[in-house]
PDB file of N, CA and C in Angstrom:
ATOM      1  N   UNK A   1     -76.283 -19.072 -66.837  1.00  0.00           N
ATOM      2  CA  UNK A   1     -76.049 -20.374 -67.195  1.00  0.00           C
ATOM      3  C   UNK A   1     -77.326 -21.178 -66.504  1.00  0.00           C
ATOM      4  N   UNK A   2     -78.007 -21.986 -67.412  1.00  0.00           N
ATOM      5  CA  UNK A   2     -79.037 -22.881 -66.926  1.00  0.00           C
ATOM      6  C   UNK A   2     -78.483 -23.790 -66.022  1.00  0.00           C
ATOM      7  N   UNK A   3     -78.961 -23.928 -64.611  1.00  0.00           N
ATOM      8  CA  UNK A   3     -78.355 -25.087 -63.921  1.00  0.00           C
ATOM      9  C   UNK A   3     -79.386 -26.409 -64.208  1.00  0.00           C
ATOM     10  N   UNK A   4     -78.833 -27.493 -63.982  1.00  0.00           N
ATOM     11  CA  UNK A   4     -79.308 -28.752 -64.122  1.00  0.00           C
ATOM     12  C   UNK A   4     -80.464 -29.006 -63.253  1.00  0.00           C
ATOM     13  N   UNK A   5     -81.535 -29.666 -63.597  1.00  0.00           N
ATOM     14  CA  UNK A   5     -82.724 -30.026 -62.884  1.00  0.00           C
ATOM     15  C   UNK A   5     -82.986 -31.420 -63.015  1.00  0.00           C
ATOM     16  N   UNK A   6     -83.329 -31.990 -62.064  1.00  0.00           N
ATOM     17  CA  UNK A   6     -83.579 -33.326 -61.704  1.00  0.00           C
ATOM     18  C   UNK A   6     -84.716 -33.631 -62.431  1.00  0.00           C
ATOM     19  N   UNK A   7     -84.770 -34.479 -63.517  1.00  0.00           N
ATOM     20  CA  UNK A   7     -86.142 -34.797 -64.081  1.00  0.00           C
ATOM     21  C   UNK A   7     -86.622 -36.521 -63.910  1.00  0.00           C
ATOM     22  N   UNK A   8     -87.236 -36.824 -62.954  1.00  0.00           N
ATOM     23  CA  UNK A   8     -87.201 -38.128 -62.516  1.00  0.00           C
ATOM     24  C   UNK A   8     -88.412 -38.866 -63.559  1.00  0.00           C
ATOM     25  N   UNK A   9     -88.009 -39.874 -64.207  1.00  0.00           N
ATOM     26  CA  UNK A   9     -88.931 -40.297 -65.112  1.00  0.00           C
ATOM     27  C   UNK A   9     -88.959 -41.575 -64.281  1.00  0.00           C
ATOM     28  N   UNK A  10     -90.095 -42.238 -64.536  1.00  0.00           N
ATOM     29  CA  UNK A  10     -90.480 -43.511 -64.075  1.00  0.00           C
ATOM     30  C   UNK A  10     -90.839 -43.522 -62.355  1.00  0.00           C
ATOM     31  N   UNK A  11     -90.754 -44.650 -61.961  1.00  0.00           N
ATOM     32  CA  UNK A  11     -91.062 -44.868 -60.408  1.00  0.00           C
ATOM     33  C   UNK A  11     -89.960 -44.518 -59.469  1.00  0.00           C
ATOM     34  N   UNK A  12     -90.056 -43.626 -58.392  1.00  0.00           N
ATOM     35  CA  UNK A  12     -89.027 -43.195 -57.488  1.00  0.00           C
ATOM     36  C   UNK A  12     -88.682 -44.535 -56.654  1.00  0.00           C
ATOM     37  N   UNK A  13     -89.749 -45.226 -56.469  1.00  0.00           N
ATOM     38  CA  UNK A  13     -89.068 -46.469 -55.771  1.00  0.00           C
ATOM     39  C   UNK A  13     -88.611 -47.297 -56.275  1.00  0.00           C
ATOM     40  N   UNK A  14     -88.454 -47.364 -57.589  1.00  0.00           N
ATOM     41  CA  UNK A  14     -87.369 -48.359 -58.491  1.00  0.00           C
ATOM     42  C   UNK A  14     -86.229 -47.729 -58.512  1.00  0.00           C
ATOM     43  N   UNK A  15     -86.205 -46.436 -58.412  1.00  0.00           N
ATOM     44  CA  UNK A  15     -84.846 -45.653 -58.523  1.00  0.00           C
ATOM     45  C   UNK A  15     -84.063 -45.682 -57.333  1.00  0.00           C
ATOM     46  N   UNK A  16     -84.940 -45.735 -56.205  1.00  0.00           N
ATOM     47  CA  UNK A  16     -84.747 -45.567 -54.882  1.00  0.00           C
ATOM     48  C   UNK A  16     -83.817 -46.903 -54.519  1.00  0.00           C
ATOM     49  N   UNK A  17     -84.560 -47.940 -54.935  1.00  0.00           N
ATOM     50  CA  UNK A  17     -83.845 -49.352 -55.086  1.00  0.00           C
ATOM     51  C   UNK A  17     -82.397 -49.728 -55.706  1.00  0.00           C
ATOM     52  N   UNK A  18     -82.609 -48.866 -56.684  1.00  0.00           N
ATOM     53  CA  UNK A  18     -81.006 -48.887 -57.464  1.00  0.00           C
ATOM     54  C   UNK A  18     -80.049 -48.017 -56.790  1.00  0.00           C
ATOM     55  N   UNK A  19     -80.512 -47.151 -56.200  1.00  0.00           N
ATOM     56  CA  UNK A  19     -79.690 -46.001 -55.365  1.00  0.00           C
ATOM     57  C   UNK A  19     -79.039 -46.883 -54.147  1.00  0.00           C
ATOM     58  N   UNK A  20     -79.883 -47.516 -53.603  1.00  0.00           N
ATOM     59  CA  UNK A  20     -79.622 -48.176 -52.186  1.00  0.00           C
ATOM     60  C   UNK A  20     -78.741 -49.500 -52.777  1.00  0.00           C
ATOM     61  N   UNK A  21     -79.082 -50.322 -53.849  1.00  0.00           N
ATOM     62  CA  UNK A  21     -77.919 -51.086 -54.432  1.00  0.00           C
ATOM     63  C   UNK A  21     -76.317 -50.457 -54.565  1.00  0.00           C
ATOM     64  N   UNK A  22     -76.456 -49.453 -54.850  1.00  0.00           N
ATOM     65  CA  UNK A  22     -75.133 -48.901 -54.754  1.00  0.00           C
ATOM     66  C   UNK A  22     -74.499 -48.148 -53.767  1.00  0.00           C
ATOM     67  N   UNK A  23     -75.551 -47.665 -52.934  1.00  0.00           N
ATOM     68  CA  UNK A  23     -74.850 -47.074 -51.815  1.00  0.00           C
ATOM     69  C   UNK A  23     -76.007 -47.587 -50.480  1.00  0.00           C
ATOM     70  N   UNK A  24     -75.402 -48.699 -49.838  1.00  0.00           N
ATOM     71  CA  UNK A  24     -76.258 -49.550 -49.025  1.00  0.00           C
ATOM     72  C   UNK A  24     -76.548 -48.507 -47.921  1.00  0.00           C
ATOM     73  N   UNK A  25     -75.442 -47.410 -47.410  1.00  0.00           N
ATOM     74  CA  UNK A  25     -75.712 -46.744 -46.135  1.00  0.00           C
ATOM     75  C   UNK A  25     -76.551 -45.678 -46.090  1.00  0.00           C
ATOM     76  N   UNK A  26     -77.174 -45.425 -47.377  1.00  0.00           N
ATOM     77  CA  UNK A  26     -78.632 -44.471 -47.704  1.00  0.00           C
ATOM     78  C   UNK A  26     -79.463 -44.944 -46.728  1.00  0.00           C
ATOM     79  N   UNK A  27     -80.262 -44.050 -46.112  1.00  0.00           N
ATOM     80  CA  UNK A  27     -81.420 -44.541 -45.354  1.00  0.00           C
ATOM     81  C   UNK A  27     -82.579 -44.078 -46.296  1.00  0.00           C
ATOM     82  N   UNK A  28     -83.692 -44.461 -45.641  1.00  0.00           N
ATOM     83  CA  UNK A  28     -85.230 -44.131 -46.455  1.00  0.00           C
ATOM     84  C   UNK A  28     -85.374 -42.573 -46.047  1.00  0.00           C
ATOM     85  N   UNK A  29     -84.776 -42.022 -45.190  1.00  0.00           N
ATOM     86  CA  UNK A  29     -84.863 -40.305 -45.005  1.00  0.00           C
ATOM     87  C   UNK A  29     -84.132 -40.123 -46.043  1.00  0.00           C
ATOM     88  N   UNK A  30     -82.952 -40.352 -46.048  1.00  0.00           N
ATOM     89  CA  UNK A  30     -81.887 -39.792 -47.101  1.00  0.00           C
ATOM     90  C   UNK A  30     -82.454 -39.565 -48.350  1.00  0.00           C
ATOM     91  N   UNK A  31     -83.466 -40.646 -48.693  1.00  0.00           N
ATOM     92  CA  UNK A  31     -83.840 -40.880 -50.013  1.00  0.00           C
ATOM     93  C   UNK A  31     -85.429 -40.724 -50.390  1.00  0.00           C
ATOM     94  N   UNK A  32     -85.850 -39.642 -49.036  1.00  0.00           N
ATOM     95  CA  UNK A  32     -87.232 -39.131 -49.121  1.00  0.00           C
ATOM     96  C   UNK A  32     -87.221 -38.178 -50.440  1.00  0.00           C
ATOM     97  N   UNK A  33     -88.225 -38.202 -51.186  1.00  0.00           N
ATOM     98  CA  UNK A  33     -88.627 -37.564 -52.213  1.00  0.00           C
ATOM     99  C   UNK A  33     -89.956 -37.073 -52.243  1.00  0.00           C
ATOM    100  N   UNK A  34     -89.898 -35.501 -52.155  1.00  0.00           N
ATOM    101  CA  UNK A  34     -91.334 -35.137 -52.127  1.00  0.00           C
ATOM    102  C   UNK A  34     -91.541 -34.214 -53.477  1.00  0.00           C
ATOM    103  N   UNK A  35     -92.617 -34.276 -54.157  1.00  0.00           N
ATOM    104  CA  UNK A  35     -92.765 -33.519 -55.511  1.00  0.00           C
ATOM    105  C   UNK A  35     -92.342 -32.156 -55.313  1.00  0.00           C
ATOM    106  N   UNK A  36     -91.256 -31.544 -56.132  1.00  0.00           N
ATOM    107  CA  UNK A  36     -91.058 -30.294 -56.231  1.00  0.00           C
ATOM    108  C   UNK A  36     -89.884 -29.908 -55.020  1.00  0.00           C
ATOM    109  N   UNK A  37     -89.552 -30.943 -54.335  1.00  0.00           N
ATOM    110  CA  UNK A  37     -88.413 -30.764 -53.310  1.00  0.00           C
ATOM    111  C   UNK A  37     -86.952 -31.478 -53.916  1.00  0.00           C
ATOM    112  N   UNK A  38     -86.799 -31.387 -55.151  1.00  0.00           N
ATOM    113  CA  UNK A  38     -85.759 -32.064 -55.839  1.00  0.00           C
ATOM    114  C   UNK A  38     -84.315 -31.490 -55.051  1.00  0.00           C
ATOM    115  N   UNK A  39     -84.296 -30.382 -54.831  1.00  0.00           N
ATOM    116  CA  UNK A  39     -83.183 -29.597 -54.206  1.00  0.00           C
ATOM    117  C   UNK A  39     -82.532 -30.332 -53.105  1.00  0.00           C
ATOM    118  N   UNK A  40     -83.860 -30.513 -52.161  1.00  0.00           N
ATOM    119  CA  UNK A  40     -83.272 -31.040 -50.810  1.00  0.00           C
ATOM    120  C   UNK A  40     -82.776 -32.473 -50.885  1.00  0.00           C
ATOM    121  N   UNK A  41     -83.552 -33.322 -51.726  1.00  0.00           N
ATOM    122  CA  UNK A  41     -82.957 -34.404 -52.129  1.00  0.00           C
ATOM    123  C   UNK A  41     -81.442 -34.685 -52.763  1.00  0.00           C
ATOM    124  N   UNK A  42     -81.327 -33.848 -53.637  1.00  0.00           N
ATOM    125  CA  UNK A  42     -80.174 -33.769 -54.113  1.00  0.00           C
ATOM    126  C   UNK A  42     -78.844 -33.286 -53.089  1.00  0.00           C
ATOM    127  N   UNK A  43     -79.313 -32.132 -52.081  1.00  0.00           N
ATOM    128  CA  UNK A  43     -78.493 -31.670 -51.095  1.00  0.00           C
ATOM    129  C   UNK A  43     -78.110 -32.909 -50.198  1.00  0.00           C
ATOM    130  N   UNK A  44     -78.989 -33.724 -49.725  1.00  0.00           N
ATOM    131  CA  UNK A  44     -78.690 -34.825 -49.035  1.00  0.00           C
ATOM    132  C   UNK A  44     -77.463 -35.913 -49.575  1.00  0.00           C
ATOM    133  N   UNK A  45     -78.057 -36.340 -50.985  1.00  0.00           N
ATOM    134  CA  UNK A  45     -77.139 -37.077 -51.597  1.00  0.00           C
ATOM    135  C   UNK A  45     -75.881 -36.781 -51.783  1.00  0.00           C
ATOM    136  N   UNK A  46     -75.824 -35.147 -52.023  1.00  0.00           N
ATOM    137  CA  UNK A  46     -74.607 -34.688 -52.120  1.00  0.00           C
ATOM    138  C   UNK A  46     -73.682 -34.760 -51.047  1.00  0.00           C
ATOM    139  N   UNK A  47     -74.037 -34.671 -49.756  1.00  0.00           N
ATOM    140  CA  UNK A  47     -73.426 -34.676 -48.567  1.00  0.00           C
ATOM    141  C   UNK A  47     -73.136 -36.174 -48.253  1.00  0.00           C
ATOM    142  N   UNK A  48     -73.792 -37.086 -48.571  1.00  0.00           N
ATOM    143  CA  UNK A  48     -73.785 -38.590 -48.356  1.00  0.00           C
ATOM    144  C   UNK A  48     -72.620 -39.089 -48.834  1.00  0.00           C
ATOM    145  N   UNK A  49     -72.790 -38.962 -50.497  1.00  0.00           N
ATOM    146  CA  UNK A  49     -71.820 -39.674 -51.361  1.00  0.00           C
ATOM    147  C   UNK A  49     -70.650 -38.502 -52.008  1.00  0.00           C
ATOM    148  N   UNK A  50     -70.728 -37.436 -51.736  1.00  0.00           N
ATOM    149  CA  UNK A  50     -69.678 -36.494 -51.971  1.00  0.00           C
ATOM    150  C   UNK A  50     -69.573 -36.117 -53.507  1.00  0.00           C
ATOM    151  N   UNK A  51     -70.567 -35.869 -54.022  1.00  0.00           N
ATOM    152  CA  UNK A  51     -70.574 -35.411 -55.556  1.00  0.00           C
ATOM    153  C   UNK A  51     -70.988 -34.287 -55.725  1.00  0.00           C
ATOM    154  N   UNK A  52     -70.691 -33.645 -56.754  1.00  0.00           N
ATOM    155  CA  UNK A  52     -71.509 -32.231 -57.186  1.00  0.00           C
ATOM    156  C   UNK A  52     -73.013 -32.496 -57.446  1.00  0.00           C
ATOM    157  N   UNK A  53     -73.884 -31.209 -57.223  1.00  0.00           N
ATOM    158  CA  UNK A  53     -74.944 -31.375 -57.761  1.00  0.00           C
ATOM    159  C   UNK A  53     -75.138 -32.134 -59.083  1.00  0.00           C
ATOM    160  N   UNK A  54     -74.419 -31.634 -60.138  1.00  0.00           N
ATOM    161  CA  UNK A  54     -74.549 -31.980 -61.371  1.00  0.00           C
ATOM    162  C   UNK A  54     -74.280 -33.561 -61.697  1.00  0.00           C
ATOM    163  N   UNK A  55     -73.367 -34.211 -60.771  1.00  0.00           N
ATOM    164  CA  UNK A  55     -72.855 -35.663 -60.789  1.00  0.00           C
ATOM    165  C   UNK A  55     -73.959 -36.315 -60.273  1.00  0.00           C
ATOM    166  N   UNK A  56     -74.532 -35.996 -59.278  1.00  0.00           N
ATOM    167  CA  UNK A  56     -75.789 -36.438 -58.492  1.00  0.00           C
ATOM    168  C   UNK A  56     -76.810 -36.630 -59.459  1.00  0.00           C
ATOM    169  N   UNK A  57     -77.443 -35.540 -60.043  1.00  0.00           N
ATOM    170  CA  UNK A  57     -78.283 -35.389 -61.160  1.00  0.00           C
ATOM    171  C   UNK A  57     -78.229 -36.261 -62.264  1.00  0.00           C
ATOM    172  N   UNK A  58     -76.970 -36.504 -62.743  1.00  0.00           N
ATOM    173  CA  UNK A  58     -76.804 -37.220 -63.983  1.00  0.00           C
ATOM    174  C   UNK A  58     -76.719 -38.969 -63.645  1.00  0.00           C
ATOM    175  N   UNK A  59     -76.223 -39.078 -62.442  1.00  0.00           N
ATOM    176  CA  UNK A  59     -76.250 -40.240 -62.011  1.00  0.00           C
ATOM    177  C   UNK A  59     -77.680 -40.941 -61.718  1.00  0.00           C
ATOM    178  N   UNK A  60     -78.511 -40.055 -61.033  1.00  0.00           N
ATOM    179  CA  UNK A  60     -79.797 -40.578 -60.697  1.00  0.00           C
ATOM    180  C   UNK A  60     -80.629 -40.887 -62.103  1.00  0.00           C
ATOM    181  N   UNK A  61     -80.294 -39.733 -62.981  1.00  0.00           N
ATOM    182  CA  UNK A  61     -80.974 -40.058 -64.470  1.00  0.00           C
ATOM    183  C   UNK A  61     -80.400 -41.220 -65.419  1.00  0.00           C
ATOM    184  N   UNK A  62     -79.450 -41.690 -65.057  1.00  0.00           N
ATOM    185  CA  UNK A  62     -78.750 -42.838 -65.776  1.00  0.00           C
ATOM    186  C   UNK A  62     -79.182 -44.197 -65.173  1.00  0.00           C
ATOM    187  N   UNK A  63     -79.627 -44.317 -63.925  1.00  0.00           N
ATOM    188  CA  UNK A  63     -80.390 -45.253 -63.373  1.00  0.00           C
ATOM    189  C   UNK A  63     -81.611 -46.083 -64.165  1.00  0.00           C
TER     190      UNK A  63
END
């Protein structure tokens, strides 16, 4: 089974702004994104918002 991957299109700062609108308690550290470190970002978000990896990826990609 092929696991989902985060494919960020567009500007991460823009996406980050939308995330913060929905989850005001997320910090810049929570949302720190380094190229190639998608799993770390997704893991932090999973812990903070209580969603599965797939849900987090779908949500971010829908922004």
